[in-house]
């Protein structure tokens, strides 16, 4: 029996009618803030704290402290 990883929230695809923070391609952009609400990431109208990880369309996203999502792998 394999060990179960921490559950990652499945958020689905981006809904263009709901607020979603920018998604950057790598952590090198972690310190570049493009979001007016620094420290909060949004995905389809839901708020997430820095460090939160979600899965969207097969991509693992991490909320950076600048309010952007970063692609950190696949899920």
N, C-alpha and C. Protein backbone atom coordinates (compact mmCIF):
# COMPACT_ATOMS: atom_id res chain seq x y z
N UNK A 1 0.85 -1.18 0.00
CA UNK A 1 0.00 0.00 0.00
C UNK A 1 0.89 1.24 0.00
N UNK A 2 0.66 2.16 -0.93
CA UNK A 2 1.48 3.36 -1.00
C UNK A 2 0.95 4.44 -0.06
N UNK A 3 1.89 5.29 0.39
CA UNK A 3 1.49 6.39 1.26
C UNK A 3 0.81 7.47 0.44
N UNK A 4 -0.21 8.09 1.01
CA UNK A 4 -0.96 9.12 0.32
C UNK A 4 -0.29 10.47 0.55
N UNK A 5 -0.06 11.22 -0.53
CA UNK A 5 0.52 12.55 -0.40
C UNK A 5 -0.54 13.49 0.18
N UNK A 6 -0.07 14.67 0.66
CA UNK A 6 -1.02 15.68 1.13
C UNK A 6 -1.99 15.98 0.00
N UNK A 7 -3.24 16.15 0.35
CA UNK A 7 -4.26 16.45 -0.65
C UNK A 7 -4.01 17.84 -1.24
N UNK A 8 -4.02 17.91 -2.56
CA UNK A 8 -3.87 19.18 -3.26
C UNK A 8 -5.24 19.56 -3.79
N UNK A 9 -5.63 20.79 -3.56
CA UNK A 9 -6.93 21.28 -4.00
C UNK A 9 -7.00 21.30 -5.53
N UNK A 10 -8.01 20.67 -6.07
CA UNK A 10 -8.27 20.68 -7.51
C UNK A 10 -9.17 21.88 -7.79
N UNK A 11 -8.65 22.84 -8.55
CA UNK A 11 -9.42 24.07 -8.78
C UNK A 11 -10.03 24.13 -10.18
N UNK A 12 -9.72 23.18 -11.04
CA UNK A 12 -10.27 23.18 -12.38
C UNK A 12 -9.60 24.21 -13.28
N UNK A 13 -10.20 24.44 -14.41
CA UNK A 13 -9.67 25.42 -15.37
C UNK A 13 -10.03 26.84 -14.93
N UNK A 14 -9.29 27.81 -15.45
CA UNK A 14 -9.56 29.21 -15.12
C UNK A 14 -10.90 29.64 -15.70
N UNK A 15 -11.72 30.25 -14.87
CA UNK A 15 -12.99 30.82 -15.30
C UNK A 15 -12.73 32.29 -15.59
N UNK A 16 -12.85 32.72 -16.86
CA UNK A 16 -12.55 34.11 -17.21
C UNK A 16 -13.49 35.13 -16.57
N UNK A 17 -14.59 34.67 -16.01
CA UNK A 17 -15.54 35.57 -15.36
C UNK A 17 -15.28 35.75 -13.87
N UNK A 18 -14.25 35.07 -13.36
CA UNK A 18 -13.91 35.17 -11.94
C UNK A 18 -12.48 35.65 -11.79
N UNK A 19 -12.21 36.28 -10.64
CA UNK A 19 -10.88 36.83 -10.37
C UNK A 19 -9.85 35.73 -10.21
N UNK A 20 -8.75 35.83 -10.98
CA UNK A 20 -7.63 34.90 -10.88
C UNK A 20 -6.34 35.69 -11.00
N UNK A 21 -5.41 35.45 -10.07
CA UNK A 21 -4.10 36.13 -10.09
C UNK A 21 -3.28 35.65 -11.28
N UNK A 22 -2.28 36.46 -11.70
CA UNK A 22 -1.41 36.05 -12.81
C UNK A 22 -0.66 34.76 -12.49
N UNK A 23 -0.43 33.97 -13.53
CA UNK A 23 0.35 32.73 -13.41
C UNK A 23 1.67 32.95 -14.14
N UNK A 24 2.78 32.82 -13.40
CA UNK A 24 4.11 33.01 -13.98
C UNK A 24 4.74 31.64 -14.21
N UNK A 25 5.71 31.58 -15.08
CA UNK A 25 6.27 30.29 -15.48
C UNK A 25 7.27 29.69 -14.52
N UNK A 26 7.94 30.52 -13.70
CA UNK A 26 8.93 29.95 -12.78
C UNK A 26 9.09 30.82 -11.55
N UNK A 27 9.77 30.26 -10.54
CA UNK A 27 9.94 30.97 -9.27
C UNK A 27 10.88 32.15 -9.38
N UNK A 28 11.60 32.29 -10.52
CA UNK A 28 12.48 33.45 -10.67
C UNK A 28 11.67 34.74 -10.68
N UNK A 29 10.39 34.65 -10.96
CA UNK A 29 9.52 35.82 -10.96
C UNK A 29 8.81 36.00 -9.61
N UNK A 30 9.20 35.23 -8.61
CA UNK A 30 8.51 35.27 -7.32
C UNK A 30 8.54 36.64 -6.67
N UNK A 31 9.61 37.39 -6.88
CA UNK A 31 9.74 38.69 -6.22
C UNK A 31 9.22 39.84 -7.05
N UNK A 32 8.70 39.56 -8.23
CA UNK A 32 8.16 40.60 -9.08
C UNK A 32 6.66 40.67 -8.87
N UNK A 33 6.21 41.73 -8.26
CA UNK A 33 4.79 41.85 -7.95
C UNK A 33 4.04 42.50 -9.10
N UNK A 34 3.01 41.81 -9.58
CA UNK A 34 2.11 42.39 -10.56
C UNK A 34 0.70 42.45 -10.01
N UNK A 35 0.53 42.03 -8.79
CA UNK A 35 -0.79 41.98 -8.18
C UNK A 35 -0.89 43.07 -7.12
N UNK A 36 -1.93 43.88 -7.21
CA UNK A 36 -2.11 44.99 -6.27
C UNK A 36 -2.33 44.49 -4.84
N UNK A 37 -2.91 43.31 -4.69
CA UNK A 37 -3.16 42.77 -3.35
C UNK A 37 -2.03 41.82 -2.98
N UNK A 38 -0.92 42.38 -2.65
CA UNK A 38 0.29 41.63 -2.34
C UNK A 38 0.05 40.59 -1.25
N UNK A 39 0.49 39.37 -1.53
CA UNK A 39 0.40 38.31 -0.53
C UNK A 39 -0.83 37.44 -0.64
N UNK A 40 -1.78 37.82 -1.46
CA UNK A 40 -2.99 37.01 -1.63
C UNK A 40 -3.06 36.57 -3.08
N UNK A 41 -3.25 35.28 -3.30
CA UNK A 41 -3.48 34.77 -4.65
C UNK A 41 -4.97 34.47 -4.80
N UNK A 42 -5.48 34.74 -5.96
CA UNK A 42 -6.86 34.44 -6.28
C UNK A 42 -6.91 33.36 -7.35
N UNK A 43 -7.87 32.46 -7.25
CA UNK A 43 -8.13 31.51 -8.33
C UNK A 43 -9.63 31.30 -8.39
N UNK A 44 -10.21 31.69 -9.51
CA UNK A 44 -11.65 31.59 -9.74
C UNK A 44 -12.47 32.15 -8.57
N UNK A 45 -12.04 33.32 -8.09
CA UNK A 45 -12.79 34.02 -7.04
C UNK A 45 -12.50 33.58 -5.62
N UNK A 46 -11.60 32.60 -5.43
CA UNK A 46 -11.23 32.13 -4.10
C UNK A 46 -9.85 32.65 -3.73
N UNK A 47 -9.68 33.05 -2.46
CA UNK A 47 -8.39 33.56 -1.97
C UNK A 47 -7.54 32.40 -1.44
N UNK A 48 -6.22 32.53 -1.67
CA UNK A 48 -5.25 31.56 -1.16
C UNK A 48 -4.08 32.31 -0.56
N UNK A 49 -3.51 31.77 0.50
CA UNK A 49 -2.37 32.37 1.19
C UNK A 49 -1.07 31.96 0.52
N UNK A 50 0.00 32.76 0.71
CA UNK A 50 1.31 32.38 0.16
C UNK A 50 1.71 30.98 0.63
N UNK A 51 2.22 30.19 -0.30
CA UNK A 51 2.62 28.81 0.00
C UNK A 51 1.56 27.79 -0.37
N UNK A 52 0.32 28.24 -0.57
CA UNK A 52 -0.74 27.31 -0.96
C UNK A 52 -0.44 26.71 -2.33
N UNK A 53 -0.82 25.45 -2.52
CA UNK A 53 -0.62 24.78 -3.79
C UNK A 53 -1.96 24.25 -4.28
N UNK A 54 -2.22 24.43 -5.57
CA UNK A 54 -3.44 23.94 -6.18
C UNK A 54 -3.11 23.26 -7.50
N UNK A 55 -4.03 22.45 -7.99
CA UNK A 55 -3.86 21.78 -9.27
C UNK A 55 -4.91 22.32 -10.23
N UNK A 56 -4.45 22.79 -11.39
CA UNK A 56 -5.35 23.32 -12.42
C UNK A 56 -4.93 22.77 -13.78
N UNK A 57 -5.81 22.03 -14.41
CA UNK A 57 -5.54 21.51 -15.74
C UNK A 57 -4.26 20.72 -15.86
N UNK A 58 -3.91 19.98 -14.82
CA UNK A 58 -2.70 19.16 -14.84
C UNK A 58 -1.44 19.89 -14.41
N UNK A 59 -1.53 21.19 -14.11
CA UNK A 59 -0.37 21.96 -13.65
C UNK A 59 -0.48 22.24 -12.16
N UNK A 60 0.63 22.02 -11.44
CA UNK A 60 0.70 22.35 -10.03
C UNK A 60 1.09 23.83 -9.92
N UNK A 61 0.30 24.59 -9.19
CA UNK A 61 0.55 26.01 -9.01
C UNK A 61 0.82 26.29 -7.54
N UNK A 62 1.75 27.21 -7.28
CA UNK A 62 2.08 27.62 -5.91
C UNK A 62 1.85 29.11 -5.79
N UNK A 63 1.21 29.51 -4.70
CA UNK A 63 0.97 30.93 -4.44
C UNK A 63 2.22 31.54 -3.85
N UNK A 64 2.77 32.53 -4.55
CA UNK A 64 3.96 33.23 -4.09
C UNK A 64 3.56 34.43 -3.23
N UNK A 65 4.49 34.92 -2.43
CA UNK A 65 4.21 36.03 -1.52
C UNK A 65 3.92 37.35 -2.24
N UNK A 66 4.16 37.38 -3.56
CA UNK A 66 3.88 38.60 -4.31
C UNK A 66 2.47 38.58 -4.90
N UNK A 67 1.70 37.54 -4.63
CA UNK A 67 0.33 37.47 -5.13
C UNK A 67 0.19 36.83 -6.49
N UNK A 68 1.26 36.28 -7.04
CA UNK A 68 1.22 35.57 -8.31
C UNK A 68 1.26 34.08 -8.06
N UNK A 69 0.71 33.30 -9.01
CA UNK A 69 0.86 31.86 -9.01
C UNK A 69 2.08 31.51 -9.84
N UNK A 70 2.79 30.49 -9.43
CA UNK A 70 3.92 29.98 -10.22
C UNK A 70 3.70 28.53 -10.57
N UNK A 71 4.01 28.17 -11.80
CA UNK A 71 3.93 26.75 -12.20
C UNK A 71 5.13 26.03 -11.61
N UNK A 72 4.88 25.00 -10.82
CA UNK A 72 5.98 24.30 -10.17
C UNK A 72 6.06 22.84 -10.59
N UNK A 73 5.22 22.42 -11.51
CA UNK A 73 5.26 21.04 -11.97
C UNK A 73 3.91 20.59 -12.46
N UNK A 74 3.76 19.29 -12.50
CA UNK A 74 2.49 18.72 -12.94
C UNK A 74 1.82 18.00 -11.77
N UNK A 75 0.53 17.75 -11.93
CA UNK A 75 -0.21 17.05 -10.88
C UNK A 75 -1.19 16.08 -11.50
